[in-house]
N, C-alpha and C. Protein backbone atom coordinates (compact mmCIF):
# COMPACT_ATOMS: atom_id res chain seq x y z
N MET A 1 -3.07 138.72 -10.77
CA MET A 1 -3.71 137.61 -10.83
C MET A 1 -2.97 136.22 -9.58
N LYS A 2 -3.75 135.89 -8.73
CA LYS A 2 -3.64 135.24 -7.51
C LYS A 2 -3.44 133.97 -8.36
N ASN A 3 -2.12 132.75 -7.95
CA ASN A 3 -1.85 131.78 -8.13
C ASN A 3 -2.32 130.62 -7.78
N TYR A 4 -3.82 130.02 -7.74
CA TYR A 4 -4.33 128.96 -7.48
C TYR A 4 -3.86 128.24 -8.34
N THR A 5 -3.69 127.10 -7.51
CA THR A 5 -3.68 125.28 -7.61
C THR A 5 -4.90 124.65 -7.68
N LEU A 6 -5.58 124.35 -8.69
CA LEU A 6 -6.57 123.43 -8.49
C LEU A 6 -6.44 122.16 -8.48
N LYS A 7 -6.76 121.11 -7.68
CA LYS A 7 -6.26 119.86 -7.36
C LYS A 7 -7.29 118.83 -6.76
N PHE A 8 -7.51 118.09 -7.40
CA PHE A 8 -8.45 117.21 -6.77
C PHE A 8 -8.27 115.82 -6.54
N ILE A 9 -8.46 115.42 -5.19
CA ILE A 9 -7.93 114.02 -4.88
C ILE A 9 -8.91 113.17 -4.28
N MET A 10 -9.14 112.07 -4.77
CA MET A 10 -10.20 111.01 -4.30
C MET A 10 -10.19 110.86 -2.63
N GLY A 11 -11.64 110.62 -1.81
CA GLY A 11 -10.93 110.25 -0.91
C GLY A 11 -11.96 111.51 0.28
N TYR A 12 -11.88 111.14 1.84
CA TYR A 12 -11.93 112.11 2.92
C TYR A 12 -10.81 112.00 3.49
N SER A 13 -10.74 112.88 4.18
CA SER A 13 -9.31 113.68 5.35
C SER A 13 -9.75 112.38 6.23
N VAL A 14 -8.90 111.39 7.30
CA VAL A 14 -8.74 110.88 8.11
C VAL A 14 -8.76 111.94 9.48
N ILE A 15 -7.71 113.14 8.75
CA ILE A 15 -7.37 113.76 9.83
C ILE A 15 -7.98 115.54 9.79
N ALA A 16 -8.74 115.78 8.94
CA ALA A 16 -9.62 116.75 8.76
C ALA A 16 -9.74 117.58 10.31
N PHE A 17 -10.80 116.72 10.97
CA PHE A 17 -10.78 117.46 12.18
C PHE A 17 -10.07 117.67 13.16
N SER A 18 -9.09 117.53 13.06
CA SER A 18 -7.81 117.67 14.26
C SER A 18 -7.26 118.51 13.22
N ALA A 19 -6.77 118.80 11.91
CA ALA A 19 -5.94 119.76 11.19
C ALA A 19 -7.20 120.94 11.50
N ILE A 20 -8.04 121.04 11.70
CA ILE A 20 -8.47 122.39 11.88
C ILE A 20 -8.48 122.43 13.65
N ALA A 21 -8.89 121.63 13.97
CA ALA A 21 -8.69 122.17 15.60
C ALA A 21 -7.59 122.49 16.04
N PHE A 22 -6.54 121.97 15.40
CA PHE A 22 -5.15 122.66 15.81
C PHE A 22 -4.01 123.28 14.96
N GLY A 23 -4.51 123.09 13.64
CA GLY A 23 -4.17 123.47 12.45
C GLY A 23 -4.46 125.08 12.22
N ILE A 24 -5.57 125.36 12.33
CA ILE A 24 -6.24 126.47 11.89
C ILE A 24 -6.41 127.38 13.79
N SER A 25 -7.07 127.51 14.10
CA SER A 25 -6.96 127.92 15.60
C SER A 25 -6.40 127.32 16.23
N GLY A 26 -5.23 126.29 16.69
CA GLY A 26 -4.06 126.12 16.96
C GLY A 26 -4.14 126.00 18.78
N CYS A 27 -3.43 125.34 18.80
CA CYS A 27 -3.77 125.06 20.68
C CYS A 27 -2.15 125.32 21.27
N SER A 28 -1.34 125.64 20.99
CA SER A 28 0.40 125.46 21.59
C SER A 28 0.33 127.59 21.20
N ASP A 29 1.25 128.07 22.28
CA ASP A 29 1.76 128.97 22.18
C ASP A 29 3.28 129.30 21.55
N SER A 30 3.72 128.02 21.27
CA SER A 30 4.96 127.90 20.92
C SER A 30 5.12 128.75 19.75
N LYS A 31 6.64 129.75 19.70
CA LYS A 31 6.76 130.64 18.76
C LYS A 31 7.35 129.30 17.50
N ASP A 32 8.31 128.27 17.79
CA ASP A 32 8.61 127.59 16.85
C ASP A 32 7.96 126.05 16.92
N ALA A 33 6.81 126.35 16.93
CA ALA A 33 6.12 124.72 16.59
C ALA A 33 6.55 123.70 15.65
N LYS A 34 6.47 122.73 16.13
CA LYS A 34 7.23 121.57 15.19
C LYS A 34 5.49 120.89 14.69
N MET A 35 5.59 120.27 13.09
CA MET A 35 4.73 119.78 13.01
C MET A 35 4.60 118.42 12.62
N ASN A 36 3.79 116.94 12.51
CA ASN A 36 4.33 115.97 12.51
C ASN A 36 3.35 114.91 12.00
N HIS A 37 2.09 115.15 11.36
CA HIS A 37 0.73 114.49 10.41
C HIS A 37 1.48 115.06 8.73
N PRO A 38 1.67 114.00 8.10
CA PRO A 38 1.94 113.93 6.79
C PRO A 38 0.66 114.84 6.22
N ALA A 39 0.89 115.65 5.16
CA ALA A 39 -0.15 116.57 4.26
C ALA A 39 -0.75 115.28 3.27
N SER A 40 -0.30 113.86 3.01
CA SER A 40 -0.63 113.22 1.77
C SER A 40 -1.74 112.18 2.59
N ALA A 41 -2.17 112.44 3.52
CA ALA A 41 -3.44 111.36 3.57
C ALA A 41 -4.59 111.36 2.59
N GLN A 42 -5.59 110.67 2.41
CA GLN A 42 -6.67 110.45 1.87
C GLN A 42 -7.02 111.92 1.95
N THR A 43 -7.59 112.69 1.21
CA THR A 43 -8.06 114.13 1.01
C THR A 43 -8.95 114.40 0.31
N GLN A 44 -9.60 115.83 0.24
CA GLN A 44 -10.32 115.74 -0.92
C GLN A 44 -10.30 117.51 -0.57
N ASP A 45 -9.38 118.68 -1.39
CA ASP A 45 -8.81 119.71 -1.63
C ASP A 45 -9.69 120.13 -2.99
N SER A 46 -10.21 121.37 -2.96
CA SER A 46 -10.86 122.33 -3.84
C SER A 46 -9.70 122.87 -4.41
N LEU A 47 -8.91 123.76 -3.55
CA LEU A 47 -7.79 124.85 -3.96
C LEU A 47 -6.33 124.32 -3.01
N ILE A 48 -5.69 124.84 -3.49
CA ILE A 48 -4.24 125.13 -3.06
C ILE A 48 -3.60 126.18 -3.17
N ILE A 49 -2.92 126.70 -2.45
CA ILE A 49 -2.10 128.37 -2.47
C ILE A 49 -0.74 128.13 -2.15
N GLU A 50 0.08 127.93 -2.83
CA GLU A 50 1.54 127.60 -2.64
C GLU A 50 2.24 128.54 -2.54
N LEU A 51 3.16 128.90 -0.68
CA LEU A 51 3.74 130.33 -0.62
C LEU A 51 5.08 129.46 -0.24
N ARG A 52 5.98 130.59 0.04
CA ARG A 52 7.86 130.11 0.57
C ARG A 52 7.70 130.86 1.66
N GLY A 53 8.41 130.33 2.70
CA GLY A 53 8.33 130.34 3.92
C GLY A 53 9.63 131.94 3.86
N GLN A 54 9.64 132.87 4.87
CA GLN A 54 10.62 133.54 4.72
C GLN A 54 10.89 134.12 6.67
N THR A 55 12.20 133.51 6.41
CA THR A 55 12.78 133.81 7.84
C THR A 55 12.35 134.78 9.17
N GLY A 56 12.37 134.68 9.97
CA GLY A 56 11.29 135.08 10.88
C GLY A 56 9.41 135.79 11.08
N LYS A 57 9.53 134.98 9.64
CA LYS A 57 7.60 135.43 9.39
C LYS A 57 7.00 134.34 9.43
N THR A 58 6.05 134.40 10.46
CA THR A 58 4.68 133.51 10.37
C THR A 58 4.14 133.01 9.22
N VAL A 59 3.82 132.00 9.43
CA VAL A 59 2.64 131.58 8.33
C VAL A 59 1.70 132.33 7.94
N PHE A 60 0.92 132.97 8.48
CA PHE A 60 -0.06 133.99 9.30
C PHE A 60 0.40 135.43 8.44
N GLU A 61 1.64 135.94 8.74
CA GLU A 61 2.05 137.16 7.88
C GLU A 61 2.20 137.19 6.33
N ILE A 62 2.38 135.92 6.44
CA ILE A 62 3.40 135.80 4.87
C ILE A 62 1.58 135.53 3.69
N ILE A 63 0.75 134.83 4.65
CA ILE A 63 -0.62 134.89 3.56
C ILE A 63 -1.19 136.07 3.36
N GLN A 64 -0.85 137.01 4.48
CA GLN A 64 -1.74 138.31 4.78
C GLN A 64 -0.70 139.31 3.48
N GLU A 65 0.50 139.14 3.27
CA GLU A 65 0.97 139.77 2.35
C GLU A 65 0.70 140.07 1.08
N LYS A 66 -0.16 138.93 0.98
CA LYS A 66 -0.12 138.14 -0.71
C LYS A 66 -1.84 138.16 -0.55
N TYR A 67 -2.67 138.05 -0.26
CA TYR A 67 -3.94 137.60 -0.52
C TYR A 67 -4.69 138.49 1.10
N LYS A 68 -5.96 138.44 0.78
CA LYS A 68 -7.01 139.23 1.80
C LYS A 68 -7.37 138.09 2.40
N ILE A 69 -7.40 138.50 3.80
CA ILE A 69 -7.03 137.38 4.87
C ILE A 69 -8.63 137.89 5.69
N GLU A 70 -9.68 137.01 6.23
CA GLU A 70 -10.52 137.20 7.45
C GLU A 70 -10.04 136.51 8.38
N TYR A 71 -10.05 136.70 9.84
CA TYR A 71 -9.69 136.11 10.57
C TYR A 71 -10.16 136.45 11.72
N ARG A 72 -10.70 135.65 12.66
CA ARG A 72 -11.07 135.55 14.23
C ARG A 72 -9.59 135.57 15.10
N LYS A 73 -9.55 135.75 16.41
CA LYS A 73 -8.60 135.88 17.48
C LYS A 73 -8.98 135.10 18.29
N MET A 74 -8.21 133.88 18.29
CA MET A 74 -8.85 132.91 19.49
C MET A 74 -7.88 132.80 20.51
N PRO A 75 -8.42 131.63 21.98
CA PRO A 75 -7.37 131.77 22.24
C PRO A 75 -5.63 131.07 22.21
N GLY A 76 -5.69 130.45 21.31
CA GLY A 76 -5.08 129.43 20.60
C GLY A 76 -4.28 130.12 19.42
N GLY A 77 -4.56 131.63 19.08
CA GLY A 77 -3.71 131.98 17.75
C GLY A 77 -5.51 132.41 17.02
N VAL A 78 -5.14 132.49 15.54
CA VAL A 78 -6.28 133.13 14.56
C VAL A 78 -6.90 132.00 13.82
N PHE A 79 -7.89 132.28 13.61
CA PHE A 79 -8.71 130.95 12.94
C PHE A 79 -8.77 132.00 11.45
N ILE A 80 -8.56 131.10 10.66
CA ILE A 80 -8.77 131.80 9.32
C ILE A 80 -10.27 131.34 8.70
N LYS A 81 -11.39 132.57 8.74
CA LYS A 81 -12.48 132.37 8.13
C LYS A 81 -12.28 132.24 6.61
N ALA A 82 -11.34 133.28 6.17
CA ALA A 82 -11.31 133.18 4.34
C ALA A 82 -10.45 133.85 3.60
N ILE A 83 -9.99 133.65 2.45
CA ILE A 83 -8.75 134.34 1.73
C ILE A 83 -9.27 134.33 0.55
N ASP A 84 -8.90 135.56 -0.07
CA ASP A 84 -9.92 136.45 -0.69
C ASP A 84 -11.12 135.78 -1.22
N SER A 85 -11.10 136.25 -0.08
CA SER A 85 -13.00 136.19 -0.06
C SER A 85 -13.87 134.35 -0.03
N ILE A 86 -12.91 133.60 -0.38
CA ILE A 86 -13.18 132.24 -0.31
C ILE A 86 -13.33 131.87 1.52
N GLU A 87 -14.32 132.00 1.96
CA GLU A 87 -14.73 131.30 3.36
C GLU A 87 -15.16 129.61 3.84
N SER A 88 -14.81 129.62 4.90
CA SER A 88 -14.84 128.41 5.46
C SER A 88 -16.82 128.26 5.72
N GLY A 89 -17.01 126.82 5.83
CA GLY A 89 -18.00 126.87 5.80
C GLY A 89 -18.67 125.40 6.28
N ASP A 90 -19.42 125.22 6.15
CA ASP A 90 -20.68 123.85 6.26
C ASP A 90 -19.16 122.54 6.36
N GLN A 91 -19.05 122.35 5.06
CA GLN A 91 -18.21 121.07 4.57
C GLN A 91 -16.86 121.28 4.38
N PHE A 92 -16.14 122.83 4.02
CA PHE A 92 -14.96 123.08 3.24
C PHE A 92 -14.54 124.15 4.24
N GLY A 93 -12.91 124.09 4.68
CA GLY A 93 -12.28 124.53 5.64
C GLY A 93 -10.84 125.15 5.27
N TRP A 94 -10.50 126.17 6.07
CA TRP A 94 -8.44 126.46 5.45
C TRP A 94 -7.94 125.56 6.35
N ILE A 95 -6.64 125.05 6.26
CA ILE A 95 -5.73 124.00 6.84
C ILE A 95 -4.16 125.00 6.22
N TYR A 96 -3.35 124.36 7.02
CA TYR A 96 -2.49 124.67 6.30
C TYR A 96 -1.00 123.62 6.34
N SER A 97 0.15 123.02 5.69
CA SER A 97 1.14 122.95 5.92
C SER A 97 2.33 123.51 5.72
N VAL A 98 3.49 122.69 5.99
CA VAL A 98 4.75 123.11 5.82
C VAL A 98 5.62 122.00 5.74
N ASN A 99 6.31 122.33 4.22
CA ASN A 99 7.04 120.99 3.77
C ASN A 99 6.49 119.70 4.19
N GLY A 100 5.01 119.70 3.75
CA GLY A 100 4.38 118.15 3.60
C GLY A 100 3.82 117.50 4.84
N LYS A 101 4.01 118.52 6.59
CA LYS A 101 3.48 118.26 7.21
C LYS A 101 2.34 119.13 7.68
N MET A 102 0.81 118.25 7.84
CA MET A 102 0.15 119.41 9.05
C MET A 102 0.48 119.83 10.14
N ALA A 103 -0.27 120.87 10.12
CA ALA A 103 0.33 121.83 11.51
C ALA A 103 -0.44 121.69 12.79
N GLN A 104 0.49 121.64 13.51
CA GLN A 104 -0.51 121.60 15.17
C GLN A 104 -0.51 122.76 15.67
N VAL A 105 -0.29 123.50 15.09
CA VAL A 105 -0.71 125.34 15.75
C VAL A 105 -1.04 126.49 14.53
N ALA A 106 -2.05 127.10 15.66
CA ALA A 106 -2.49 128.65 14.42
C ALA A 106 -1.01 128.99 13.40
N SER A 107 -1.61 129.17 12.46
CA SER A 107 -0.89 130.30 11.34
C SER A 107 0.17 131.15 12.17
N ASP A 108 -0.49 131.71 12.91
CA ASP A 108 0.27 133.20 13.58
C ASP A 108 1.23 132.54 14.48
N LYS A 109 1.78 131.26 15.15
CA LYS A 109 2.37 130.19 16.13
C LYS A 109 3.82 129.90 15.32
N TYR A 110 3.74 129.51 13.53
CA TYR A 110 4.34 129.04 13.14
C TYR A 110 4.88 129.89 12.47
N VAL A 111 6.72 129.85 12.94
CA VAL A 111 7.58 130.97 12.53
C VAL A 111 8.50 129.96 11.28
N THR A 112 8.54 130.91 10.10
CA THR A 112 8.89 129.85 8.96
C THR A 112 10.43 130.02 8.96
N SER A 113 11.39 129.55 7.86
CA SER A 113 12.72 129.94 7.44
C SER A 113 12.57 130.11 6.11
N ASP A 114 13.24 130.52 5.17
CA ASP A 114 13.35 130.62 3.82
C ASP A 114 13.36 129.63 2.83
N SER A 115 13.46 128.23 3.62
CA SER A 115 13.42 127.26 2.55
C SER A 115 11.89 126.44 3.14
N ASP A 116 11.13 127.10 4.05
CA ASP A 116 9.99 126.34 4.13
C ASP A 116 9.11 126.82 2.41
N LYS A 117 8.23 125.42 2.48
CA LYS A 117 7.29 125.39 1.45
C LYS A 117 5.75 125.26 1.95
N ILE A 118 4.97 126.33 2.05
CA ILE A 118 3.65 126.45 2.77
C ILE A 118 2.61 126.35 1.75
N LEU A 119 1.92 125.31 2.56
CA LEU A 119 0.55 124.76 1.06
C LEU A 119 -0.89 125.60 2.13
N TRP A 120 -1.86 126.07 1.54
CA TRP A 120 -2.99 126.11 2.10
C TRP A 120 -3.80 125.78 1.25
N TYR A 121 -4.94 124.76 2.08
CA TYR A 121 -5.72 123.92 1.75
C TYR A 121 -6.92 124.35 1.81
N PHE A 122 -7.44 124.73 0.74
CA PHE A 122 -9.87 124.75 1.06
C PHE A 122 -9.68 123.30 0.73
N ARG A 123 -10.28 122.81 1.84
CA ARG A 123 -10.40 121.18 2.09
C ARG A 123 -11.76 120.74 2.56
N LYS A 124 -12.42 119.86 2.09
CA LYS A 124 -13.42 119.45 2.50
C LYS A 124 -13.64 118.24 3.69
N MET A 125 -14.00 118.65 4.89
CA MET A 125 -14.03 117.82 6.09
C MET A 125 -15.16 116.62 5.83
């Protein structure tokens, strides 16, 4: 059985659009990209998936090990369309954070370490 954590938070995300644009599809080719936006902004998440980093593996490689992923390759990296058949749509989409900071690159560009805490959010935009 998959380990999904249901979490409801009041409010709407101020950074949701930029998180989709930069966090999922990515705009950088940096292999060790840094993150700088806090994941604690006002959000409304329906689902959160928690994973641990693995030294030398990308966030994308780690999520693929445990879940069925549907994605599309884009110039800046992969765009996550669905995780275990839970698809992005008009109002919700998949974004991720590492160590509490929202990603600024696609998940296939962020290389993790063993101490990293990865959270995938199915977030209302």
